[in-house]
Amino acid sequence: MKDWNKVVEIPSVLKLDIQNTDEAAVVRCSGRVVHGYEAESLQRTVLSLQKKHIVIDLSQVEEIDAAGLGVLAVLQRWANDSNRTIRLLNPSQRLRQVLQLTGLDVVLDVSGQSSRAFPRSA
C-alpha cells in the first residue's frame, strides 16, 4: 500500500516528496542539499518519520555540500541509535565519488538499485 502524504518544497532549491509504504518511508529529494534551510529541512523531515526503515532517494539531487553530507551522517547515527535503517538510493556518480573521497561510503548504506531499496519482510 502506497500513501503519498506530504510534499515539502523550497522554491527552486529543494523538494522533498515523502511516500509511505507498508515496509518503509521513501524520501525523494530533488534539487540541492546545502547548508542552511535545505539541509535542515531534510534532517527535520527524516527525524519526524515514524517508520523503522527509511529510504532517501538522491537520484534528483543536483548538489550537496559539507552540511548536506553532515546531515546524512547524523541521520545514519540517529538510525543506528534508534534501531532503524536508512538506505541512500541512486546517488549520482558525482555524489558517489564525494562519498568515497570523504569515507562516508563505508558508513552509509548506499544502493544504486531500487530493487534493493526496501528491506525484506521477515
N, C-alpha and C. Protein backbone atom coordinates (compact mmCIF):
# COMPACT_ATOMS: atom_id res chain seq x y z
N MET A 1 0.84 -1.18 0.00
CA MET A 1 0.00 0.00 0.00
C MET A 1 0.89 1.25 0.00
N LYS A 2 0.67 2.12 -0.94
CA LYS A 2 1.43 3.36 -1.02
C LYS A 2 0.53 4.51 -0.65
N ASP A 3 1.12 5.45 0.08
CA ASP A 3 0.33 6.59 0.54
C ASP A 3 1.20 7.83 0.47
N TRP A 4 0.98 8.68 -0.54
CA TRP A 4 1.69 9.94 -0.62
C TRP A 4 1.04 10.88 0.38
N ASN A 5 1.81 11.31 1.37
CA ASN A 5 1.16 12.08 2.41
C ASN A 5 1.70 13.49 2.59
N LYS A 6 2.83 13.81 2.02
CA LYS A 6 3.36 15.13 2.29
C LYS A 6 4.33 15.55 1.19
N VAL A 7 4.32 16.80 0.83
CA VAL A 7 5.31 17.37 -0.06
C VAL A 7 5.82 18.64 0.59
N VAL A 8 7.14 18.69 0.78
CA VAL A 8 7.77 19.88 1.34
C VAL A 8 8.61 20.47 0.22
N GLU A 9 8.37 21.72 -0.13
CA GLU A 9 9.09 22.31 -1.24
C GLU A 9 9.60 23.69 -0.87
N ILE A 10 10.88 23.89 -1.16
CA ILE A 10 11.51 25.19 -1.04
C ILE A 10 11.77 25.61 -2.48
N PRO A 11 11.14 26.67 -2.96
CA PRO A 11 11.17 27.02 -4.38
C PRO A 11 12.56 26.96 -5.01
N SER A 12 12.69 26.17 -6.06
CA SER A 12 13.88 26.01 -6.91
C SER A 12 15.14 25.61 -6.15
N VAL A 13 15.03 25.17 -4.91
CA VAL A 13 16.22 24.77 -4.16
C VAL A 13 16.14 23.31 -3.73
N LEU A 14 15.11 22.94 -2.98
CA LEU A 14 14.97 21.56 -2.52
C LEU A 14 13.50 21.19 -2.44
N LYS A 15 13.19 20.01 -2.93
CA LYS A 15 11.84 19.47 -2.82
C LYS A 15 11.97 18.09 -2.21
N LEU A 16 11.14 17.80 -1.21
CA LEU A 16 11.12 16.51 -0.56
C LEU A 16 9.73 15.91 -0.72
N ASP A 17 9.63 14.77 -1.38
CA ASP A 17 8.37 14.03 -1.51
C ASP A 17 8.48 12.82 -0.60
N ILE A 18 7.51 12.63 0.27
CA ILE A 18 7.53 11.51 1.20
C ILE A 18 6.43 10.53 0.82
N GLN A 19 6.82 9.28 0.64
CA GLN A 19 5.89 8.21 0.32
C GLN A 19 6.01 7.16 1.41
N ASN A 20 4.89 6.76 1.98
CA ASN A 20 4.87 5.69 2.97
C ASN A 20 4.35 4.42 2.32
N THR A 21 5.07 3.33 2.53
CA THR A 21 4.62 2.01 2.10
C THR A 21 4.45 1.17 3.36
N ASP A 22 4.04 -0.07 3.20
CA ASP A 22 3.91 -0.94 4.36
C ASP A 22 5.25 -1.16 5.05
N GLU A 23 6.33 -1.19 4.26
CA GLU A 23 7.64 -1.52 4.81
C GLU A 23 8.49 -0.31 5.19
N ALA A 24 8.33 0.79 4.49
CA ALA A 24 9.30 1.89 4.66
C ALA A 24 8.68 3.23 4.30
N ALA A 25 9.42 4.26 4.67
CA ALA A 25 9.13 5.62 4.19
C ALA A 25 10.21 5.95 3.17
N VAL A 26 9.79 6.51 2.04
CA VAL A 26 10.73 6.90 1.00
C VAL A 26 10.70 8.43 0.90
N VAL A 27 11.88 9.03 1.01
CA VAL A 27 12.02 10.48 0.88
C VAL A 27 12.74 10.73 -0.44
N ARG A 28 12.03 11.31 -1.40
CA ARG A 28 12.63 11.63 -2.69
C ARG A 28 13.08 13.09 -2.67
N CYS A 29 14.38 13.28 -2.84
CA CYS A 29 14.97 14.62 -2.80
C CYS A 29 15.22 15.11 -4.23
N SER A 30 14.83 16.34 -4.50
CA SER A 30 15.10 16.98 -5.79
C SER A 30 15.70 18.34 -5.53
N GLY A 31 16.83 18.62 -6.17
CA GLY A 31 17.46 19.93 -6.02
C GLY A 31 18.77 19.86 -5.28
N ARG A 32 18.96 20.79 -4.34
CA ARG A 32 20.23 20.94 -3.64
C ARG A 32 20.06 20.65 -2.15
N VAL A 33 21.01 19.89 -1.60
CA VAL A 33 21.05 19.65 -0.16
C VAL A 33 22.30 20.38 0.33
N VAL A 34 22.11 21.63 0.72
CA VAL A 34 23.22 22.50 1.06
C VAL A 34 22.99 23.18 2.41
N HIS A 35 24.03 23.81 2.92
CA HIS A 35 24.00 24.49 4.22
C HIS A 35 22.79 25.42 4.31
N GLY A 36 22.16 25.37 5.46
CA GLY A 36 21.03 26.25 5.72
C GLY A 36 19.73 25.49 5.74
N TYR A 37 18.71 26.14 5.26
CA TYR A 37 17.35 25.62 5.35
C TYR A 37 17.20 24.26 4.65
N GLU A 38 17.90 24.07 3.53
CA GLU A 38 17.75 22.84 2.76
C GLU A 38 18.21 21.62 3.56
N ALA A 39 19.43 21.66 4.07
CA ALA A 39 19.95 20.53 4.84
C ALA A 39 19.13 20.32 6.11
N GLU A 40 18.78 21.41 6.76
CA GLU A 40 17.97 21.32 7.99
C GLU A 40 16.60 20.73 7.70
N SER A 41 16.01 21.07 6.57
CA SER A 41 14.70 20.53 6.21
C SER A 41 14.76 19.03 6.00
N LEU A 42 15.81 18.56 5.33
CA LEU A 42 15.96 17.12 5.14
C LEU A 42 16.09 16.43 6.49
N GLN A 43 16.91 16.98 7.37
CA GLN A 43 17.10 16.37 8.68
C GLN A 43 15.79 16.35 9.48
N ARG A 44 15.12 17.47 9.56
CA ARG A 44 13.85 17.54 10.31
C ARG A 44 12.81 16.58 9.74
N THR A 45 12.73 16.52 8.43
CA THR A 45 11.74 15.65 7.79
C THR A 45 12.01 14.19 8.11
N VAL A 46 13.24 13.75 7.96
CA VAL A 46 13.56 12.34 8.23
C VAL A 46 13.38 12.02 9.71
N LEU A 47 13.81 12.91 10.59
CA LEU A 47 13.66 12.66 12.02
C LEU A 47 12.20 12.58 12.45
N SER A 48 11.30 13.17 11.68
CA SER A 48 9.88 13.15 12.03
C SER A 48 9.18 11.87 11.56
N LEU A 49 9.84 11.08 10.74
CA LEU A 49 9.20 9.87 10.21
C LEU A 49 9.09 8.79 11.27
N GLN A 50 8.00 8.07 11.24
CA GLN A 50 7.73 7.04 12.24
C GLN A 50 8.12 5.63 11.79
N LYS A 51 8.50 5.46 10.55
CA LYS A 51 8.83 4.13 10.03
C LYS A 51 10.18 3.65 10.54
N LYS A 52 10.32 2.33 10.63
CA LYS A 52 11.60 1.73 11.05
C LYS A 52 12.62 1.77 9.91
N HIS A 53 12.14 1.64 8.68
CA HIS A 53 13.01 1.64 7.51
C HIS A 53 12.76 2.90 6.69
N ILE A 54 13.84 3.60 6.36
CA ILE A 54 13.75 4.86 5.62
C ILE A 54 14.69 4.79 4.43
N VAL A 55 14.17 5.17 3.27
CA VAL A 55 14.97 5.23 2.05
C VAL A 55 15.03 6.70 1.64
N ILE A 56 16.23 7.19 1.38
CA ILE A 56 16.40 8.55 0.88
C ILE A 56 16.88 8.45 -0.57
N ASP A 57 15.99 8.81 -1.49
CA ASP A 57 16.29 8.73 -2.92
C ASP A 57 17.00 10.02 -3.34
N LEU A 58 18.26 9.86 -3.73
CA LEU A 58 19.10 11.01 -4.09
C LEU A 58 19.26 11.18 -5.60
N SER A 59 18.47 10.46 -6.38
CA SER A 59 18.67 10.46 -7.83
C SER A 59 18.47 11.83 -8.47
N GLN A 60 17.70 12.71 -7.84
CA GLN A 60 17.45 14.03 -8.40
C GLN A 60 18.20 15.14 -7.66
N VAL A 61 19.17 14.77 -6.84
CA VAL A 61 19.98 15.77 -6.12
C VAL A 61 21.05 16.30 -7.07
N GLU A 62 21.02 17.60 -7.28
CA GLU A 62 21.95 18.25 -8.20
C GLU A 62 23.23 18.68 -7.51
N GLU A 63 23.14 18.97 -6.21
CA GLU A 63 24.31 19.49 -5.48
C GLU A 63 24.18 19.13 -4.01
N ILE A 64 25.32 18.80 -3.40
CA ILE A 64 25.36 18.56 -1.96
C ILE A 64 26.68 19.14 -1.46
N ASP A 65 26.63 19.78 -0.30
CA ASP A 65 27.86 20.34 0.27
C ASP A 65 28.17 19.62 1.58
N ALA A 66 29.15 20.14 2.33
CA ALA A 66 29.57 19.52 3.58
C ALA A 66 28.42 19.44 4.58
N ALA A 67 27.57 20.45 4.62
CA ALA A 67 26.42 20.42 5.53
C ALA A 67 25.46 19.29 5.15
N GLY A 68 25.23 19.11 3.88
CA GLY A 68 24.36 18.03 3.41
C GLY A 68 24.94 16.67 3.74
N LEU A 69 26.25 16.52 3.54
CA LEU A 69 26.91 15.26 3.89
C LEU A 69 26.84 15.03 5.40
N GLY A 70 27.00 16.11 6.16
CA GLY A 70 26.89 16.02 7.61
C GLY A 70 25.52 15.55 8.05
N VAL A 71 24.48 16.05 7.40
CA VAL A 71 23.12 15.62 7.72
C VAL A 71 22.96 14.13 7.45
N LEU A 72 23.49 13.64 6.34
CA LEU A 72 23.39 12.21 6.05
C LEU A 72 24.08 11.39 7.14
N ALA A 73 25.23 11.86 7.61
CA ALA A 73 25.94 11.15 8.69
C ALA A 73 25.15 11.20 10.00
N VAL A 74 24.58 12.36 10.32
CA VAL A 74 23.76 12.49 11.54
C VAL A 74 22.55 11.57 11.47
N LEU A 75 21.91 11.51 10.31
CA LEU A 75 20.74 10.65 10.16
C LEU A 75 21.12 9.17 10.30
N GLN A 76 22.30 8.81 9.80
CA GLN A 76 22.74 7.42 9.95
C GLN A 76 22.97 7.09 11.42
N ARG A 77 23.59 7.99 12.15
CA ARG A 77 23.82 7.76 13.59
C ARG A 77 22.48 7.64 14.33
N TRP A 78 21.55 8.55 14.00
CA TRP A 78 20.22 8.51 14.61
C TRP A 78 19.55 7.16 14.34
N ALA A 79 19.64 6.70 13.09
CA ALA A 79 19.04 5.42 12.73
C ALA A 79 19.68 4.29 13.53
N ASN A 80 20.98 4.28 13.63
CA ASN A 80 21.67 3.24 14.39
C ASN A 80 21.25 3.28 15.86
N ASP A 81 21.19 4.47 16.43
CA ASP A 81 20.86 4.62 17.85
C ASP A 81 19.40 4.28 18.15
N SER A 82 18.52 4.39 17.15
CA SER A 82 17.10 4.15 17.38
C SER A 82 16.60 2.85 16.73
N ASN A 83 17.56 1.97 16.40
CA ASN A 83 17.22 0.66 15.82
C ASN A 83 16.39 0.80 14.55
N ARG A 84 16.83 1.70 13.67
CA ARG A 84 16.19 1.91 12.37
C ARG A 84 17.22 1.68 11.28
N THR A 85 16.75 1.66 10.06
CA THR A 85 17.67 1.58 8.92
C THR A 85 17.42 2.76 7.99
N ILE A 86 18.50 3.25 7.43
CA ILE A 86 18.42 4.29 6.40
C ILE A 86 19.26 3.80 5.23
N ARG A 87 18.66 3.86 4.04
CA ARG A 87 19.38 3.48 2.83
C ARG A 87 19.32 4.65 1.86
N LEU A 88 20.46 5.01 1.30
CA LEU A 88 20.54 6.06 0.28
C LEU A 88 20.42 5.38 -1.08
N LEU A 89 19.52 5.87 -1.88
CA LEU A 89 19.20 5.24 -3.16
C LEU A 89 19.61 6.12 -4.33
N ASN A 90 20.25 5.51 -5.30
CA ASN A 90 20.55 6.12 -6.60
C ASN A 90 21.30 7.45 -6.56
N PRO A 91 22.36 7.57 -5.76
CA PRO A 91 23.13 8.83 -5.84
C PRO A 91 23.82 8.92 -7.21
N SER A 92 23.99 10.13 -7.68
CA SER A 92 24.67 10.33 -8.96
C SER A 92 26.12 9.85 -8.84
N GLN A 93 26.76 9.67 -9.98
CA GLN A 93 28.17 9.24 -9.98
C GLN A 93 29.03 10.26 -9.23
N ARG A 94 28.74 11.53 -9.41
CA ARG A 94 29.49 12.59 -8.73
C ARG A 94 29.32 12.48 -7.21
N LEU A 95 28.08 12.25 -6.75
CA LEU A 95 27.83 12.12 -5.32
C LEU A 95 28.50 10.86 -4.77
N ARG A 96 28.49 9.78 -5.54
CA ARG A 96 29.19 8.56 -5.11
C ARG A 96 30.68 8.84 -4.92
N GLN A 97 31.27 9.61 -5.83
CA GLN A 97 32.68 9.96 -5.71
C GLN A 97 32.94 10.77 -4.44
N VAL A 98 32.05 11.72 -4.15
CA VAL A 98 32.19 12.53 -2.94
C VAL A 98 32.09 11.63 -1.70
N LEU A 99 31.16 10.71 -1.70
CA LEU A 99 31.02 9.79 -0.57
C LEU A 99 32.28 8.94 -0.40
N GLN A 100 32.88 8.52 -1.50
CA GLN A 100 34.12 7.74 -1.43
C GLN A 100 35.28 8.59 -0.92
N LEU A 101 35.40 9.81 -1.43
CA LEU A 101 36.50 10.68 -1.01
C LEU A 101 36.44 11.04 0.47
N THR A 102 35.23 11.16 1.00
CA THR A 102 35.06 11.52 2.40
C THR A 102 35.04 10.31 3.33
N GLY A 103 34.99 9.11 2.75
CA GLY A 103 34.91 7.90 3.55
C GLY A 103 33.50 7.57 4.03
N LEU A 104 32.54 8.37 3.63
CA LEU A 104 31.16 8.13 4.06
C LEU A 104 30.54 6.91 3.38
N ASP A 105 31.14 6.47 2.28
CA ASP A 105 30.60 5.30 1.59
C ASP A 105 30.70 4.03 2.44
N VAL A 106 31.59 4.01 3.43
CA VAL A 106 31.70 2.83 4.31
C VAL A 106 30.82 2.97 5.54
N VAL A 107 30.30 4.17 5.79
CA VAL A 107 29.46 4.43 6.96
C VAL A 107 27.98 4.38 6.57
N LEU A 108 27.67 4.87 5.39
CA LEU A 108 26.28 4.97 4.92
C LEU A 108 25.93 3.77 4.06
N ASP A 109 24.68 3.36 4.10
CA ASP A 109 24.18 2.26 3.28
C ASP A 109 23.71 2.87 1.96
N VAL A 110 24.48 2.63 0.88
CA VAL A 110 24.20 3.24 -0.41
C VAL A 110 23.84 2.15 -1.41
N SER A 111 22.72 2.35 -2.11
CA SER A 111 22.27 1.40 -3.12
C SER A 111 22.02 2.12 -4.43
N GLY A 112 22.40 1.47 -5.51
CA GLY A 112 22.16 2.06 -6.82
C GLY A 112 20.94 1.50 -7.51
N GLN A 113 20.23 0.57 -6.85
CA GLN A 113 19.12 -0.11 -7.50
C GLN A 113 17.87 -0.02 -6.63
N SER A 114 16.77 0.36 -7.25
CA SER A 114 15.52 0.45 -6.50
C SER A 114 15.05 -0.91 -5.99
N SER A 115 15.47 -1.99 -6.62
CA SER A 115 15.05 -3.31 -6.16
C SER A 115 15.63 -3.63 -4.79
N ARG A 116 16.70 -2.95 -4.40
CA ARG A 116 17.29 -3.15 -3.08
C ARG A 116 16.87 -2.06 -2.11
N ALA A 117 15.95 -1.22 -2.50
CA ALA A 117 15.60 -0.06 -1.66
C ALA A 117 14.91 -0.45 -0.37
N PHE A 118 14.12 -1.51 -0.42
CA PHE A 118 13.32 -1.86 0.75
C PHE A 118 13.88 -3.10 1.42
N PRO A 119 13.94 -3.10 2.72
CA PRO A 119 14.36 -4.30 3.44
C PRO A 119 13.33 -5.41 3.19
N ARG A 120 13.80 -6.63 3.21
CA ARG A 120 12.89 -7.75 3.03
C ARG A 120 12.10 -7.99 4.29
N SER A 121 10.83 -8.32 4.12
CA SER A 121 9.98 -8.61 5.28
C SER A 121 10.40 -9.95 5.88
N ALA A 122 10.30 -10.01 7.19
CA ALA A 122 10.69 -11.26 7.86
C ALA A 122 9.54 -12.24 7.86
